[in-house]
Amino acid sequence: MTPNGNALQLLTYAFAAMDHGSLRQAARALRVQESSVSRNLVKLEQLLEMQLFERNVRGVRLTETGRAWIEIVQAHYEGLL
């Protein structure tokens, strides 16, 4: 466990937000509160010291930096499951 929470859990939240493009839909898929998804994405971004998502009233989408990071991490993440 990292000082900022379970790293795999943080990645799961990030992938759900990416897949659904919405914190609400990601929360529904993960069966957690929307605020939990939001807090965990912020926690991950703080841990990495980079902004992964752009947030607006329509939902979330990856930044260019986030997209590059996800491409690198996704293969490793899937290998852990």
PDB file of N, CA and C in Angstrom:
ATOM      1  N   MET A   1       0.837  -1.178   0.000  1.00  0.00           N
ATOM      2  CA  MET A   1       0.000   0.000   0.000  1.00  0.00           C
ATOM      3  C   MET A   1       0.888   1.249   0.000  1.00  0.00           C
ATOM      4  N   THR A   2       0.548   2.186  -0.842  1.00  0.00           N
ATOM      5  CA  THR A   2       1.308   3.430  -0.889  1.00  0.00           C
ATOM      6  C   THR A   2       0.835   4.341   0.236  1.00  0.00           C
ATOM      7  N   PRO A   3       1.613   5.358   0.585  1.00  0.00           N
ATOM      8  CA  PRO A   3       1.163   6.297   1.614  1.00  0.00           C
ATOM      9  C   PRO A   3      -0.143   6.992   1.211  1.00  0.00           C
ATOM     10  N   ASN A   4      -0.428   7.032  -0.074  1.00  0.00           N
ATOM     11  CA  ASN A   4      -1.610   7.726  -0.566  1.00  0.00           C
ATOM     12  C   ASN A   4      -2.737   6.771  -0.952  1.00  0.00           C
ATOM     13  N   GLY A   5      -2.711   5.545  -0.480  1.00  0.00           N
ATOM     14  CA  GLY A   5      -3.774   4.595  -0.789  1.00  0.00           C
ATOM     15  C   GLY A   5      -3.262   3.457  -1.636  1.00  0.00           C
ATOM     16  N   ASN A   6      -4.116   2.515  -1.864  1.00  0.00           N
ATOM     17  CA  ASN A   6      -3.777   1.341  -2.644  1.00  0.00           C
ATOM     18  C   ASN A   6      -3.567   1.727  -4.104  1.00  0.00           C
ATOM     19  N   ALA A   7      -2.363   1.496  -4.615  1.00  0.00           N
ATOM     20  CA  ALA A   7      -2.014   1.908  -5.977  1.00  0.00           C
ATOM     21  C   ALA A   7      -2.901   1.247  -7.026  1.00  0.00           C
ATOM     22  N   LEU A   8      -3.196  -0.035  -6.867  1.00  0.00           N
ATOM     23  CA  LEU A   8      -4.050  -0.712  -7.845  1.00  0.00           C
ATOM     24  C   LEU A   8      -5.461  -0.148  -7.826  1.00  0.00           C
ATOM     25  N   GLN A   9      -5.941   0.212  -6.653  1.00  0.00           N
ATOM     26  CA  GLN A   9      -7.267   0.813  -6.560  1.00  0.00           C
ATOM     27  C   GLN A   9      -7.292   2.167  -7.273  1.00  0.00           C
ATOM     28  N   LEU A  10      -6.241   2.954  -7.083  1.00  0.00           N
ATOM     29  CA  LEU A  10      -6.161   4.247  -7.754  1.00  0.00           C
ATOM     30  C   LEU A  10      -6.171   4.068  -9.268  1.00  0.00           C
ATOM     31  N   LEU A  11      -5.451   3.071  -9.746  1.00  0.00           N
ATOM     32  CA  LEU A  11      -5.436   2.803 -11.190  1.00  0.00           C
ATOM     33  C   LEU A  11      -6.808   2.336 -11.674  1.00  0.00           C
ATOM     34  N   THR A  12      -7.478   1.517 -10.884  1.00  0.00           N
ATOM     35  CA  THR A  12      -8.817   1.040 -11.252  1.00  0.00           C
ATOM     36  C   THR A  12      -9.770   2.214 -11.416  1.00  0.00           C
ATOM     37  N   TYR A  13      -9.701   3.176 -10.516  1.00  0.00           N
ATOM     38  CA  TYR A  13     -10.553   4.362 -10.612  1.00  0.00           C
ATOM     39  C   TYR A  13     -10.211   5.174 -11.856  1.00  0.00           C
ATOM     40  N   ALA A  14      -8.919   5.322 -12.145  1.00  0.00           N
ATOM     41  CA  ALA A  14      -8.502   6.089 -13.325  1.00  0.00           C
ATOM     42  C   ALA A  14      -8.979   5.420 -14.611  1.00  0.00           C
ATOM     43  N   PHE A  15      -8.831   4.106 -14.699  1.00  0.00           N
ATOM     44  CA  PHE A  15      -9.282   3.402 -15.901  1.00  0.00           C
ATOM     45  C   PHE A  15     -10.792   3.470 -16.058  1.00  0.00           C
ATOM     46  N   ALA A  16     -11.519   3.392 -14.954  1.00  0.00           N
ATOM     47  CA  ALA A  16     -12.978   3.491 -15.027  1.00  0.00           C
ATOM     48  C   ALA A  16     -13.396   4.881 -15.514  1.00  0.00           C
ATOM     49  N   ALA A  17     -12.747   5.913 -15.000  1.00  0.00           N
ATOM     50  CA  ALA A  17     -13.066   7.280 -15.441  1.00  0.00           C
ATOM     51  C   ALA A  17     -12.744   7.448 -16.923  1.00  0.00           C
ATOM     52  N   MET A  18     -11.629   6.895 -17.340  1.00  0.00           N
ATOM     53  CA  MET A  18     -11.242   6.963 -18.748  1.00  0.00           C
ATOM     54  C   MET A  18     -12.257   6.222 -19.616  1.00  0.00           C
ATOM     55  N   ASP A  19     -12.621   5.030 -19.222  1.00  0.00           N
ATOM     56  CA  ASP A  19     -13.545   4.202 -20.006  1.00  0.00           C
ATOM     57  C   ASP A  19     -14.927   4.816 -20.115  1.00  0.00           C
ATOM     58  N   HIS A  20     -15.391   5.424 -19.035  1.00  0.00           N
ATOM     59  CA  HIS A  20     -16.768   5.934 -18.998  1.00  0.00           C
ATOM     60  C   HIS A  20     -16.877   7.412 -19.348  1.00  0.00           C
ATOM     61  N   GLY A  21     -15.774   8.159 -19.214  1.00  0.00           N
ATOM     62  CA  GLY A  21     -15.804   9.582 -19.522  1.00  0.00           C
ATOM     63  C   GLY A  21     -16.655  10.401 -18.572  1.00  0.00           C
ATOM     64  N   SER A  22     -16.994   9.798 -17.452  1.00  0.00           N
ATOM     65  CA  SER A  22     -17.866  10.448 -16.477  1.00  0.00           C
ATOM     66  C   SER A  22     -17.567   9.881 -15.098  1.00  0.00           C
ATOM     67  N   LEU A  23     -17.433  10.769 -14.127  1.00  0.00           N
ATOM     68  CA  LEU A  23     -17.203  10.296 -12.761  1.00  0.00           C
ATOM     69  C   LEU A  23     -18.425   9.551 -12.242  1.00  0.00           C
ATOM     70  N   ARG A  24     -19.603  10.036 -12.602  1.00  0.00           N
ATOM     71  CA  ARG A  24     -20.840   9.394 -12.158  1.00  0.00           C
ATOM     72  C   ARG A  24     -20.940   7.968 -12.718  1.00  0.00           C
ATOM     73  N   GLN A  25     -20.659   7.820 -14.005  1.00  0.00           N
ATOM     74  CA  GLN A  25     -20.739   6.489 -14.614  1.00  0.00           C
ATOM     75  C   GLN A  25     -19.634   5.567 -14.097  1.00  0.00           C
ATOM     76  N   ALA A  26     -18.451   6.128 -13.882  1.00  0.00           N
ATOM     77  CA  ALA A  26     -17.364   5.333 -13.309  1.00  0.00           C
ATOM     78  C   ALA A  26     -17.740   4.854 -11.912  1.00  0.00           C
ATOM     79  N   ALA A  27     -18.325   5.747 -11.123  1.00  0.00           N
ATOM     80  CA  ALA A  27     -18.745   5.382  -9.762  1.00  0.00           C
ATOM     81  C   ALA A  27     -19.798   4.286  -9.804  1.00  0.00           C
ATOM     82  N   ARG A  28     -20.737   4.422 -10.702  1.00  0.00           N
ATOM     83  CA  ARG A  28     -21.792   3.415 -10.833  1.00  0.00           C
ATOM     84  C   ARG A  28     -21.183   2.054 -11.191  1.00  0.00           C
ATOM     85  N   ALA A  29     -20.241   2.057 -12.137  1.00  0.00           N
ATOM     86  CA  ALA A  29     -19.591   0.800 -12.551  1.00  0.00           C
ATOM     87  C   ALA A  29     -18.784   0.181 -11.410  1.00  0.00           C
ATOM     88  N   LEU A  30     -18.168   1.024 -10.592  1.00  0.00           N
ATOM     89  CA  LEU A  30     -17.348   0.548  -9.475  1.00  0.00           C
ATOM     90  C   LEU A  30     -18.155   0.315  -8.204  1.00  0.00           C
ATOM     91  N   ARG A  31     -19.425   0.743  -8.236  1.00  0.00           N
ATOM     92  CA  ARG A  31     -20.313   0.627  -7.080  1.00  0.00           C
ATOM     93  C   ARG A  31     -19.787   1.381  -5.859  1.00  0.00           C
ATOM     94  N   VAL A  32     -19.378   2.627  -6.137  1.00  0.00           N
ATOM     95  CA  VAL A  32     -18.918   3.526  -5.080  1.00  0.00           C
ATOM     96  C   VAL A  32     -19.565   4.889  -5.308  1.00  0.00           C
ATOM     97  N   GLN A  33     -19.342   5.797  -4.385  1.00  0.00           N
ATOM     98  CA  GLN A  33     -19.853   7.153  -4.525  1.00  0.00           C
ATOM     99  C   GLN A  33     -19.019   7.934  -5.545  1.00  0.00           C
ATOM    100  N   GLU A  34     -19.664   8.853  -6.242  1.00  0.00           N
ATOM    101  CA  GLU A  34     -18.968   9.701  -7.210  1.00  0.00           C
ATOM    102  C   GLU A  34     -17.826  10.471  -6.539  1.00  0.00           C
ATOM    103  N   SER A  35     -18.045  10.928  -5.322  1.00  0.00           N
ATOM    104  CA  SER A  35     -17.009  11.680  -4.606  1.00  0.00           C
ATOM    105  C   SER A  35     -15.772  10.814  -4.342  1.00  0.00           C
ATOM    106  N   SER A  36     -15.975   9.520  -4.163  1.00  0.00           N
ATOM    107  CA  SER A  36     -14.852   8.611  -3.956  1.00  0.00           C
ATOM    108  C   SER A  36     -13.986   8.524  -5.215  1.00  0.00           C
ATOM    109  N   VAL A  37     -14.625   8.462  -6.363  1.00  0.00           N
ATOM    110  CA  VAL A  37     -13.880   8.430  -7.629  1.00  0.00           C
ATOM    111  C   VAL A  37     -13.098   9.734  -7.771  1.00  0.00           C
ATOM    112  N   SER A  38     -13.753  10.845  -7.536  1.00  0.00           N
ATOM    113  CA  SER A  38     -13.108  12.152  -7.664  1.00  0.00           C
ATOM    114  C   SER A  38     -11.905  12.267  -6.732  1.00  0.00           C
ATOM    115  N   ARG A  39     -12.088  11.921  -5.470  1.00  0.00           N
ATOM    116  CA  ARG A  39     -10.995  12.016  -4.484  1.00  0.00           C
ATOM    117  C   ARG A  39      -9.818  11.135  -4.873  1.00  0.00           C
ATOM    118  N   ASN A  40     -10.120   9.927  -5.349  1.00  0.00           N
ATOM    119  CA  ASN A  40      -9.044   9.011  -5.709  1.00  0.00           C
ATOM    120  C   ASN A  40      -8.307   9.441  -6.972  1.00  0.00           C
ATOM    121  N   LEU A  41      -8.997  10.071  -7.907  1.00  0.00           N
ATOM    122  CA  LEU A  41      -8.308  10.604  -9.086  1.00  0.00           C
ATOM    123  C   LEU A  41      -7.382  11.747  -8.686  1.00  0.00           C
ATOM    124  N   VAL A  42      -7.850  12.605  -7.807  1.00  0.00           N
ATOM    125  CA  VAL A  42      -7.010  13.704  -7.321  1.00  0.00           C
ATOM    126  C   VAL A  42      -5.796  13.132  -6.584  1.00  0.00           C
ATOM    127  N   LYS A  43      -6.026  12.114  -5.777  1.00  0.00           N
ATOM    128  CA  LYS A  43      -4.937  11.480  -5.029  1.00  0.00           C
ATOM    129  C   LYS A  43      -3.885  10.921  -5.991  1.00  0.00           C
ATOM    130  N   LEU A  44      -4.338  10.262  -7.053  1.00  0.00           N
ATOM    131  CA  LEU A  44      -3.410   9.707  -8.045  1.00  0.00           C
ATOM    132  C   LEU A  44      -2.646  10.821  -8.748  1.00  0.00           C
ATOM    133  N   GLU A  45      -3.347  11.870  -9.142  1.00  0.00           N
ATOM    134  CA  GLU A  45      -2.688  12.987  -9.817  1.00  0.00           C
ATOM    135  C   GLU A  45      -1.660  13.655  -8.900  1.00  0.00           C
ATOM    136  N   GLN A  46      -1.964  13.773  -7.630  1.00  0.00           N
ATOM    137  CA  GLN A  46      -1.011  14.353  -6.677  1.00  0.00           C
ATOM    138  C   GLN A  46       0.194  13.439  -6.495  1.00  0.00           C
ATOM    139  N   LEU A  47      -0.046  12.159  -6.419  1.00  0.00           N
ATOM    140  CA  LEU A  47       1.027  11.189  -6.272  1.00  0.00           C
ATOM    141  C   LEU A  47       1.978  11.253  -7.468  1.00  0.00           C
ATOM    142  N   LEU A  48       1.403  11.383  -8.663  1.00  0.00           N
ATOM    143  CA  LEU A  48       2.206  11.420  -9.890  1.00  0.00           C
ATOM    144  C   LEU A  48       2.729  12.820 -10.227  1.00  0.00           C
ATOM    145  N   GLU A  49       2.174  13.817  -9.546  1.00  0.00           N
ATOM    146  CA  GLU A  49       2.516  15.211  -9.808  1.00  0.00           C
ATOM    147  C   GLU A  49       2.253  15.593 -11.261  1.00  0.00           C
ATOM    148  N   MET A  50       1.087  15.150 -11.777  1.00  0.00           N
ATOM    149  CA  MET A  50       0.661  15.522 -13.123  1.00  0.00           C
ATOM    150  C   MET A  50      -0.855  15.454 -13.216  1.00  0.00           C
ATOM    151  N   GLN A  51      -1.420  16.275 -14.077  1.00  0.00           N
ATOM    152  CA  GLN A  51      -2.864  16.248 -14.284  1.00  0.00           C
ATOM    153  C   GLN A  51      -3.174  15.231 -15.375  1.00  0.00           C
ATOM    154  N   LEU A  52      -3.941  14.198 -15.012  1.00  0.00           N
ATOM    155  CA  LEU A  52      -4.304  13.149 -15.954  1.00  0.00           C
ATOM    156  C   LEU A  52      -5.603  13.450 -16.689  1.00  0.00           C
ATOM    157  N   PHE A  53      -6.524  14.141 -15.998  1.00  0.00           N
ATOM    158  CA  PHE A  53      -7.862  14.365 -16.542  1.00  0.00           C
ATOM    159  C   PHE A  53      -8.209  15.843 -16.591  1.00  0.00           C
ATOM    160  N   GLU A  54      -8.934  16.204 -17.639  1.00  0.00           N
ATOM    161  CA  GLU A  54      -9.596  17.503 -17.706  1.00  0.00           C
ATOM    162  C   GLU A  54     -11.024  17.249 -17.248  1.00  0.00           C
ATOM    163  N   ARG A  55     -11.514  18.080 -16.362  1.00  0.00           N
ATOM    164  CA  ARG A  55     -12.858  17.916 -15.818  1.00  0.00           C
ATOM    165  C   ARG A  55     -13.717  19.094 -16.259  1.00  0.00           C
ATOM    166  N   ASN A  56     -14.946  18.802 -16.658  1.00  0.00           N
ATOM    167  CA  ASN A  56     -15.914  19.852 -16.957  1.00  0.00           C
ATOM    168  C   ASN A  56     -17.308  19.307 -16.691  1.00  0.00           C
ATOM    169  N   VAL A  57     -18.332  20.099 -16.941  1.00  0.00           N
ATOM    170  CA  VAL A  57     -19.698  19.675 -16.618  1.00  0.00           C
ATOM    171  C   VAL A  57     -20.148  18.478 -17.453  1.00  0.00           C
ATOM    172  N   ARG A  58     -19.513  18.242 -18.567  1.00  0.00           N
ATOM    173  CA  ARG A  58     -19.878  17.100 -19.421  1.00  0.00           C
ATOM    174  C   ARG A  58     -19.187  15.804 -19.026  1.00  0.00           C
ATOM    175  N   GLY A  59     -18.190  15.891 -18.161  1.00  0.00           N
ATOM    176  CA  GLY A  59     -17.501  14.683 -17.728  1.00  0.00           C
ATOM    177  C   GLY A  59     -16.006  14.899 -17.610  1.00  0.00           C
ATOM    178  N   VAL A  60     -15.264  13.839 -17.848  1.00  0.00           N
ATOM    179  CA  VAL A  60     -13.805  13.883 -17.770  1.00  0.00           C
ATOM    180  C   VAL A  60     -13.215  13.305 -19.049  1.00  0.00           C
ATOM    181  N   ARG A  61     -12.038  13.796 -19.377  1.00  0.00           N
ATOM    182  CA  ARG A  61     -11.300  13.209 -20.489  1.00  0.00           C
ATOM    183  C   ARG A  61      -9.822  13.349 -20.181  1.00  0.00           C
ATOM    184  N   LEU A  62      -9.051  12.454 -20.752  1.00  0.00           N
ATOM    185  CA  LEU A  62      -7.620  12.458 -20.498  1.00  0.00           C
ATOM    186  C   LEU A  62      -6.957  13.683 -21.114  1.00  0.00           C
ATOM    187  N   THR A  63      -5.989  14.222 -20.397  1.00  0.00           N
ATOM    188  CA  THR A  63      -5.131  15.246 -20.972  1.00  0.00           C
ATOM    189  C   THR A  63      -4.149  14.531 -21.900  1.00  0.00           C
ATOM    190  N   GLU A  64      -3.380  15.280 -22.652  1.00  0.00           N
ATOM    191  CA  GLU A  64      -2.353  14.647 -23.493  1.00  0.00           C
ATOM    192  C   GLU A  64      -1.359  13.881 -22.626  1.00  0.00           C
ATOM    193  N   THR A  65      -0.971  14.493 -21.528  1.00  0.00           N
ATOM    194  CA  THR A  65      -0.054  13.844 -20.586  1.00  0.00           C
ATOM    195  C   THR A  65      -0.689  12.584 -20.019  1.00  0.00           C
ATOM    196  N   GLY A  66      -1.967  12.677 -19.661  1.00  0.00           N
ATOM    197  CA  GLY A  66      -2.692  11.521 -19.131  1.00  0.00           C
ATOM    198  C   GLY A  66      -2.780  10.390 -20.133  1.00  0.00           C
ATOM    199  N   ARG A  67      -3.012  10.731 -21.386  1.00  0.00           N
ATOM    200  CA  ARG A  67      -3.106   9.724 -22.441  1.00  0.00           C
ATOM    201  C   ARG A  67      -1.773   8.987 -22.602  1.00  0.00           C
ATOM    202  N   ALA A  68      -0.686   9.730 -22.606  1.00  0.00           N
ATOM    203  CA  ALA A  68       0.641   9.121 -22.734  1.00  0.00           C
ATOM    204  C   ALA A  68       0.940   8.218 -21.538  1.00  0.00           C
ATOM    205  N   TRP A  69       0.595   8.689 -20.339  1.00  0.00           N
ATOM    206  CA  TRP A  69       0.841   7.910 -19.134  1.00  0.00           C
ATOM    207  C   TRP A  69       0.012   6.626 -19.134  1.00  0.00           C
ATOM    208  N   ILE A  70      -1.268   6.740 -19.515  1.00  0.00           N
ATOM    209  CA  ILE A  70      -2.168   5.579 -19.537  1.00  0.00           C
ATOM    210  C   ILE A  70      -1.662   4.514 -20.502  1.00  0.00           C
ATOM    211  N   GLU A  71      -1.186   4.931 -21.662  1.00  0.00           N
ATOM    212  CA  GLU A  71      -0.677   3.963 -22.642  1.00  0.00           C
ATOM    213  C   GLU A  71       0.457   3.135 -22.063  1.00  0.00           C
ATOM    214  N   ILE A  72       1.329   3.772 -21.310  1.00  0.00           N
ATOM    215  CA  ILE A  72       2.466   3.067 -20.709  1.00  0.00           C
ATOM    216  C   ILE A  72       2.002   2.142 -19.584  1.00  0.00           C
ATOM    217  N   VAL A  73       1.112   2.641 -18.746  1.00  0.00           N
ATOM    218  CA  VAL A  73       0.711   1.918 -17.540  1.00  0.00           C
ATOM    219  C   VAL A  73      -0.278   0.787 -17.820  1.00  0.00           C
ATOM    220  N   GLN A  74      -1.141   0.960 -18.804  1.00  0.00           N
ATOM    221  CA  GLN A  74      -2.227   0.019 -19.015  1.00  0.00           C
ATOM    222  C   GLN A  74      -1.764  -1.421 -19.242  1.00  0.00           C
ATOM    223  N   ALA A  75      -0.746  -1.620 -20.054  1.00  0.00           N
ATOM    224  CA  ALA A  75      -0.238  -2.974 -20.307  1.00  0.00           C
ATOM    225  C   ALA A  75       0.294  -3.620 -19.028  1.00  0.00           C
ATOM    226  N   HIS A  76       0.982  -2.834 -18.230  1.00  0.00           N
ATOM    227  CA  HIS A  76       1.528  -3.360 -16.966  1.00  0.00           C
ATOM    228  C   HIS A  76       0.386  -3.689 -16.003  1.00  0.00           C
ATOM    229  N   TYR A  77      -0.595  -2.818 -15.937  1.00  0.00           N
ATOM    230  CA  TYR A  77      -1.741  -3.009 -15.048  1.00  0.00           C
ATOM    231  C   TYR A  77      -2.492  -4.289 -15.404  1.00  0.00           C
ATOM    232  N   GLU A  78      -2.759  -4.484 -16.685  1.00  0.00           N
ATOM    233  CA  GLU A  78      -3.506  -5.669 -17.120  1.00  0.00           C
ATOM    234  C   GLU A  78      -2.724  -6.947 -16.824  1.00  0.00           C
ATOM    235  N   GLY A  79      -1.403  -6.863 -16.838  1.00  0.00           N
ATOM    236  CA  GLY A  79      -0.574  -8.016 -16.519  1.00  0.00           C
ATOM    237  C   GLY A  79      -0.631  -8.395 -15.047  1.00  0.00           C
ATOM    238  N   LEU A  80      -1.027  -7.456 -14.192  1.00  0.00           N
ATOM    239  CA  LEU A  80      -1.135  -7.724 -12.767  1.00  0.00           C
ATOM    240  C   LEU A  80      -2.442  -8.417 -12.378  1.00  0.00           C
ATOM    241  N   LEU A  81      -3.438  -8.292 -13.230  1.00  0.00           N
ATOM    242  CA  LEU A  81      -4.760  -8.829 -12.883  1.00  0.00           C
ATOM    243  C   LEU A  81      -4.887 -10.289 -13.226  1.00  0.00           C
TER     244      LEU A  81
END
